[in-house]
Amino acid sequence: MEFPIYRKYKNNKHFFKIMSMNEFEELSFIGKKLIITLHQATILPDRNFISDLLLDIGNTAEIATEDEYHRILTLK
């Protein structure tokens, strides 16, 4: 698997840049405000969340593109 990998929720309010099996960045919309959070997976539930984002395409998250992710970043 080659990182970074990009995912998004179907509602387009959460975008993820997965940088490794233990680290990801999340862009979240709270109303019209964009929140950027860096997550370090230090416990099993966090690592399971990353696995779900990577492997459960269509149910948990959809594939996003790098361009789409960076376009959202420019809205800040």
C-alpha atoms as a PDB file:
ATOM      1  CA  MET A   1       0.000   0.000   0.000  1.00  0.00           C
ATOM      2  CA  GLU A   2       1.418   3.373  -0.997  1.00  0.00           C
ATOM      3  CA  PHE A   3       0.633   6.383   1.196  1.00  0.00           C
ATOM      4  CA  PRO A   4      -0.889   8.943   1.325  1.00  0.00           C
ATOM      5  CA  ILE A   5      -4.327   7.549   0.551  1.00  0.00           C
ATOM      6  CA  TYR A   6      -7.408   9.770   0.410  1.00  0.00           C
ATOM      7  CA  ARG A   7     -10.925   8.932   1.588  1.00  0.00           C
ATOM      8  CA  LYS A   8     -14.137  10.834   2.274  1.00  0.00           C
ATOM      9  CA  TYR A   9     -17.524  10.202   3.827  1.00  0.00           C
ATOM     10  CA  LYS A  10     -20.448  10.060   1.425  1.00  0.00           C
ATOM     11  CA  ASN A  11     -21.900  13.309   2.806  1.00  0.00           C
ATOM     12  CA  ASN A  12     -18.699  15.206   1.766  1.00  0.00           C
ATOM     13  CA  LYS A  13     -18.319  16.696   5.269  1.00  0.00           C
ATOM     14  CA  HIS A  14     -15.271  14.628   6.311  1.00  0.00           C
ATOM     15  CA  PHE A  15     -12.146  14.082   4.224  1.00  0.00           C
ATOM     16  CA  PHE A  16      -9.176  11.956   5.266  1.00  0.00           C
ATOM     17  CA  LYS A  17      -5.538  11.895   4.224  1.00  0.00           C
ATOM     18  CA  ILE A  18      -4.131   8.606   5.511  1.00  0.00           C
ATOM     19  CA  MET A  19      -0.368   8.978   5.809  1.00  0.00           C
ATOM     20  CA  SER A  20       0.397   5.582   7.374  1.00  0.00           C
ATOM     21  CA  MET A  21      -1.328   2.766   9.235  1.00  0.00           C
ATOM     22  CA  ASN A  22      -0.878   4.870  12.390  1.00  0.00           C
ATOM     23  CA  GLU A  23      -1.525   8.445  11.285  1.00  0.00           C
ATOM     24  CA  PHE A  24      -4.134  10.415   9.360  1.00  0.00           C
ATOM     25  CA  GLU A  25      -5.313  13.963   8.890  1.00  0.00           C
ATOM     26  CA  GLU A  26      -9.021  14.778   8.916  1.00  0.00           C
ATOM     27  CA  LEU A  27     -10.795  17.754   7.369  1.00  0.00           C
ATOM     28  CA  SER A  28     -14.249  18.223   8.934  1.00  0.00           C
ATOM     29  CA  PHE A  29     -16.963  20.733   8.240  1.00  0.00           C
ATOM     30  CA  ILE A  30     -18.792  22.001  11.321  1.00  0.00           C
ATOM     31  CA  GLY A  31     -21.426  24.208   9.759  1.00  0.00           C
ATOM     32  CA  LYS A  32     -19.406  26.376   7.388  1.00  0.00           C
ATOM     33  CA  LYS A  33     -16.194  26.131   9.419  1.00  0.00           C
ATOM     34  CA  LEU A  34     -13.377  23.783   8.349  1.00  0.00           C
ATOM     35  CA  ILE A  35     -11.578  21.943  11.156  1.00  0.00           C
ATOM     36  CA  ILE A  36      -8.232  20.210  10.480  1.00  0.00           C
ATOM     37  CA  THR A  37      -7.183  17.485  12.924  1.00  0.00           C
ATOM     38  CA  LEU A  38      -4.085  15.289  12.923  1.00  0.00           C
ATOM     39  CA  HIS A  39      -4.761  11.860  14.465  1.00  0.00           C
ATOM     40  CA  GLN A  40      -2.129   9.485  15.824  1.00  0.00           C
ATOM     41  CA  ALA A  41      -3.426   5.922  16.201  1.00  0.00           C
ATOM     42  CA  THR A  42      -2.054   4.870  19.581  1.00  0.00           C
ATOM     43  CA  ILE A  43      -4.814   2.467  20.601  1.00  0.00           C
ATOM     44  CA  LEU A  44      -6.496  -0.427  18.808  1.00  0.00           C
ATOM     45  CA  PRO A  45      -9.819   1.328  18.067  1.00  0.00           C
ATOM     46  CA  ASP A  46      -7.903   4.097  16.259  1.00  0.00           C
ATOM     47  CA  ARG A  47      -5.964   1.563  14.171  1.00  0.00           C
ATOM     48  CA  ASN A  48      -9.230  -0.255  13.403  1.00  0.00           C
ATOM     49  CA  PHE A  49     -10.737   3.027  12.217  1.00  0.00           C
ATOM     50  CA  ILE A  50      -7.855   3.525   9.776  1.00  0.00           C
ATOM     51  CA  SER A  51      -8.263  -0.054   8.530  1.00  0.00           C
ATOM     52  CA  ASP A  52     -11.972   0.542   8.006  1.00  0.00           C
ATOM     53  CA  LEU A  53     -11.247   3.682   5.986  1.00  0.00           C
ATOM     54  CA  LEU A  54      -8.754   1.799   3.835  1.00  0.00           C
ATOM     55  CA  LEU A  55     -10.553  -1.492   3.312  1.00  0.00           C
ATOM     56  CA  ASP A  56     -14.291  -0.919   3.675  1.00  0.00           C
ATOM     57  CA  ILE A  57     -14.834   1.133   0.522  1.00  0.00           C
ATOM     58  CA  GLY A  58     -18.492   1.913  -0.113  1.00  0.00           C
ATOM     59  CA  ASN A  59     -19.757   1.274   3.410  1.00  0.00           C
ATOM     60  CA  THR A  60     -17.623   3.443   5.671  1.00  0.00           C
ATOM     61  CA  ALA A  61     -15.970   5.772   3.181  1.00  0.00           C
ATOM     62  CA  GLU A  62     -15.463   6.451  -0.493  1.00  0.00           C
ATOM     63  CA  ILE A  63     -12.282   6.998  -2.444  1.00  0.00           C
ATOM     64  CA  ALA A  64     -11.260  10.652  -2.684  1.00  0.00           C
ATOM     65  CA  THR A  65      -8.557  12.202  -4.848  1.00  0.00           C
ATOM     66  CA  GLU A  66      -5.556  14.268  -3.834  1.00  0.00           C
ATOM     67  CA  ASP A  67      -6.910  17.188  -5.891  1.00  0.00           C
ATOM     68  CA  GLU A  68     -10.261  16.996  -4.134  1.00  0.00           C
ATOM     69  CA  TYR A  69      -8.541  16.987  -0.724  1.00  0.00           C
ATOM     70  CA  HIS A  70      -6.362  19.995  -1.556  1.00  0.00           C
ATOM     71  CA  ARG A  71      -9.328  21.882  -3.025  1.00  0.00           C
ATOM     72  CA  ILE A  72     -11.083  21.502   0.347  1.00  0.00           C
ATOM     73  CA  LEU A  73      -7.930  22.731   2.131  1.00  0.00           C
ATOM     74  CA  THR A  74      -7.982  25.947   0.110  1.00  0.00           C
ATOM     75  CA  LEU A  75     -11.416  26.781   1.555  1.00  0.00           C
ATOM     76  CA  LYS A  76      -9.868  27.492   4.954  1.00  0.00           C
END
